[in-house]
């Protein structure tokens, strides 16, 4: 049976457990298209950000 060679310090234990507190990413409804997108991110389909055209519209 495998036995740890050294005791895990509370700091390392806390760093390992910090990933347990991560939340799922939030999504906001886009005002123009009505689709869900990340807040403060541009919409890749329309190329819009804060009501203005930033990149060319993606052709699909």
C-alpha atoms as a PDB file:
ATOM      1  CA  UNK A   1       0.000   0.000   0.000  1.00  0.00           C
ATOM      2  CA  UNK A   2       1.311   3.448  -0.903  1.00  0.00           C
ATOM      3  CA  UNK A   3       2.084   5.704   2.041  1.00  0.00           C
ATOM      4  CA  UNK A   4       2.986   9.404   1.729  1.00  0.00           C
ATOM      5  CA  UNK A   5       6.617  10.100   2.562  1.00  0.00           C
ATOM      6  CA  UNK A   6       5.850  13.483   4.168  1.00  0.00           C
ATOM      7  CA  UNK A   7       2.806  15.156   5.673  1.00  0.00           C
ATOM      8  CA  UNK A   8       1.038  17.586   3.322  1.00  0.00           C
ATOM      9  CA  UNK A   9       1.307  21.101   4.739  1.00  0.00           C
ATOM     10  CA  UNK A  10      -1.885  23.093   5.309  1.00  0.00           C
ATOM     11  CA  UNK A  11      -0.765  25.569   2.648  1.00  0.00           C
ATOM     12  CA  UNK A  12      -0.410  22.892  -0.025  1.00  0.00           C
ATOM     13  CA  UNK A  13      -3.659  21.283   1.055  1.00  0.00           C
ATOM     14  CA  UNK A  14      -5.413  24.653   0.708  1.00  0.00           C
ATOM     15  CA  UNK A  15      -3.895  25.282  -2.726  1.00  0.00           C
ATOM     16  CA  UNK A  16      -5.161  21.909  -3.895  1.00  0.00           C
ATOM     17  CA  UNK A  17      -8.646  22.586  -2.542  1.00  0.00           C
ATOM     18  CA  UNK A  18      -8.850  26.086  -4.023  1.00  0.00           C
ATOM     19  CA  UNK A  19     -10.119  24.632  -7.309  1.00  0.00           C
ATOM     20  CA  UNK A  20     -13.187  23.299  -5.466  1.00  0.00           C
ATOM     21  CA  UNK A  21     -14.435  26.864  -4.957  1.00  0.00           C
ATOM     22  CA  UNK A  22     -14.449  27.735  -8.688  1.00  0.00           C
ATOM     23  CA  UNK A  23     -17.847  28.727 -10.000  1.00  0.00           C
ATOM     24  CA  UNK A  24     -19.294  28.081 -13.416  1.00  0.00           C
ATOM     25  CA  UNK A  25     -18.819  30.964 -15.856  1.00  0.00           C
ATOM     26  CA  UNK A  26     -21.685  33.430 -16.028  1.00  0.00           C
ATOM     27  CA  UNK A  27     -23.475  34.226 -19.247  1.00  0.00           C
ATOM     28  CA  UNK A  28     -25.507  37.269 -20.222  1.00  0.00           C
ATOM     29  CA  UNK A  29     -28.159  37.482 -22.904  1.00  0.00           C
ATOM     30  CA  UNK A  30     -27.050  39.514 -25.902  1.00  0.00           C
ATOM     31  CA  UNK A  31     -29.324  42.498 -26.555  1.00  0.00           C
ATOM     32  CA  UNK A  32     -29.080  42.278 -30.352  1.00  0.00           C
ATOM     33  CA  UNK A  33     -29.109  38.567 -31.133  1.00  0.00           C
ATOM     34  CA  UNK A  34     -30.689  37.232 -27.924  1.00  0.00           C
ATOM     35  CA  UNK A  35     -28.041  34.528 -27.600  1.00  0.00           C
ATOM     36  CA  UNK A  36     -26.001  33.854 -24.498  1.00  0.00           C
ATOM     37  CA  UNK A  37     -22.472  35.253 -24.355  1.00  0.00           C
ATOM     38  CA  UNK A  38     -19.838  35.950 -21.717  1.00  0.00           C
ATOM     39  CA  UNK A  39     -20.016  39.424 -20.188  1.00  0.00           C
ATOM     40  CA  UNK A  40     -17.246  41.808 -21.353  1.00  0.00           C
ATOM     41  CA  UNK A  41     -16.558  39.558 -24.375  1.00  0.00           C
ATOM     42  CA  UNK A  42     -17.430  40.286 -27.970  1.00  0.00           C
ATOM     43  CA  UNK A  43     -19.948  38.212 -29.875  1.00  0.00           C
ATOM     44  CA  UNK A  44     -18.010  36.183 -32.445  1.00  0.00           C
ATOM     45  CA  UNK A  45     -21.030  35.559 -34.685  1.00  0.00           C
ATOM     46  CA  UNK A  46     -21.961  39.203 -35.129  1.00  0.00           C
ATOM     47  CA  UNK A  47     -18.613  40.812 -34.306  1.00  0.00           C
ATOM     48  CA  UNK A  48     -20.292  43.361 -32.044  1.00  0.00           C
ATOM     49  CA  UNK A  49     -19.006  44.677 -28.715  1.00  0.00           C
ATOM     50  CA  UNK A  50     -20.757  47.384 -26.691  1.00  0.00           C
ATOM     51  CA  UNK A  51     -23.039  48.196 -29.615  1.00  0.00           C
ATOM     52  CA  UNK A  52     -20.337  48.737 -32.233  1.00  0.00           C
ATOM     53  CA  UNK A  53     -18.816  46.553 -34.942  1.00  0.00           C
ATOM     54  CA  UNK A  54     -15.344  45.393 -33.841  1.00  0.00           C
ATOM     55  CA  UNK A  55     -14.578  42.543 -36.256  1.00  0.00           C
ATOM     56  CA  UNK A  56     -16.120  41.352 -39.484  1.00  0.00           C
ATOM     57  CA  UNK A  57     -19.200  39.187 -39.218  1.00  0.00           C
ATOM     58  CA  UNK A  58     -18.437  35.470 -39.227  1.00  0.00           C
ATOM     59  CA  UNK A  59     -19.866  33.802 -42.347  1.00  0.00           C
ATOM     60  CA  UNK A  60     -21.355  30.401 -41.611  1.00  0.00           C
END
